[in-house]
Structure formats: structure tokens, C-alpha cells
């Protein structure tokens, strides 16, 4: 069985965002660590991106605020 790793471009297509947005996520350490690296090429399993995307706050959500207990 062949394992397919998503590139940053494929992640952008999957999420409906620009490649620059995905690169920004990675620079800011929002994107999970790649599942595979070969030389300078990085790849993510689709399940890794699906889980990460499902746990992200909605568009425009403030992540710098916390709710008092």
C-alpha cells in the first residue's frame, strides 16, 4: 500500500485557503509538524491535517482570549 503525503499546496486546496496562508500557519507553528521529511520536502498525512483542522477555532476566532472559570 502506498502512503500519500499532502504537500503545502495540497493542504491549501483541501482547506480552501491560499498557499501563502498555509506557509504562514507553518511559520507561526500553527500547522502540525510534518509526518515525513525527505530533504527539503515535507509531507503530512491527510488524517493529520483532518484532525488539526477539526480542532481549529472558526474563522476570525480570537485565540488570545480565555474564559474565566
Protein backbone atom coordinates (compact mmCIF):
# COMPACT_ATOMS: atom_id res chain seq x y z
CA UNK A 1 0.00 0.00 0.00
CA UNK A 2 1.32 3.43 -0.94
CA UNK A 3 1.19 6.21 1.63
CA UNK A 4 0.26 9.60 0.21
CA UNK A 5 1.57 12.68 1.97
CA UNK A 6 -0.01 16.07 1.33
CA UNK A 7 2.18 18.96 0.24
CA UNK A 8 1.54 22.51 1.44
CA UNK A 9 -0.20 23.18 -1.89
CA UNK A 10 -2.49 20.19 -1.45
CA UNK A 11 -3.26 21.31 2.11
CA UNK A 12 -4.18 24.76 0.79
CA UNK A 13 -6.52 23.20 -1.81
CA UNK A 14 -8.09 20.91 0.79
CA UNK A 15 -8.74 23.76 3.21
CA UNK A 16 -9.77 26.30 0.56
CA UNK A 17 -7.04 28.77 1.53
CA UNK A 18 -4.04 30.18 -0.29
CA UNK A 19 -0.62 28.56 -0.30
CA UNK A 20 0.69 31.70 1.42
CA UNK A 21 -1.80 31.14 4.26
CA UNK A 22 -0.53 27.58 4.77
CA UNK A 23 3.07 28.81 4.74
CA UNK A 24 2.11 31.43 7.33
CA UNK A 25 0.48 28.74 9.51
CA UNK A 26 3.71 26.79 9.37
CA UNK A 27 5.91 29.82 10.13
CA UNK A 28 3.77 30.61 13.17
CA UNK A 29 3.86 26.94 14.26
CA UNK A 30 0.07 26.56 13.85
CA UNK A 31 0.45 23.74 11.33
CA UNK A 32 1.34 20.36 12.86
CA UNK A 33 4.83 19.01 12.36
CA UNK A 34 5.18 17.15 9.05
CA UNK A 35 4.72 13.39 9.15
CA UNK A 36 7.57 12.93 6.66
CA UNK A 37 10.56 14.93 5.51
CA UNK A 38 12.78 13.99 2.59
CA UNK A 39 15.49 16.56 2.01
CA UNK A 40 13.66 19.89 1.98
CA UNK A 41 10.32 18.30 1.06
CA UNK A 42 7.74 17.93 3.80
CA UNK A 43 4.51 15.96 3.80
CA UNK A 44 1.50 15.48 6.05
CA UNK A 45 -0.87 12.55 6.26
CA UNK A 46 -4.41 13.51 5.34
CA UNK A 47 -5.58 12.26 8.75
CA UNK A 48 -3.10 14.61 10.48
CA UNK A 49 -4.49 17.61 8.60
CA UNK A 50 -8.12 16.49 9.12
CA UNK A 51 -7.61 16.18 12.90
CA UNK A 52 -5.75 19.51 13.10
CA UNK A 53 -8.37 21.31 11.00
CA UNK A 54 -11.25 19.90 13.07
CA UNK A 55 -9.68 21.26 16.26
CA UNK A 56 -9.01 24.76 14.90
CA UNK A 57 -11.18 27.68 16.04
CA UNK A 58 -13.58 29.10 13.45
CA UNK A 59 -12.63 31.85 11.01
CA UNK A 60 -11.95 35.10 12.80
CA UNK A 61 -11.93 33.46 16.24
CA UNK A 62 -9.85 35.23 18.86
CA UNK A 63 -7.34 32.77 20.26
CA UNK A 64 -5.78 35.29 22.64
CA UNK A 65 -8.81 35.42 24.94
CA UNK A 66 -9.54 32.97 27.73
CA UNK A 67 -12.78 32.27 29.52
CA UNK A 68 -12.81 32.80 33.29
CA UNK A 69 -13.65 29.68 35.26
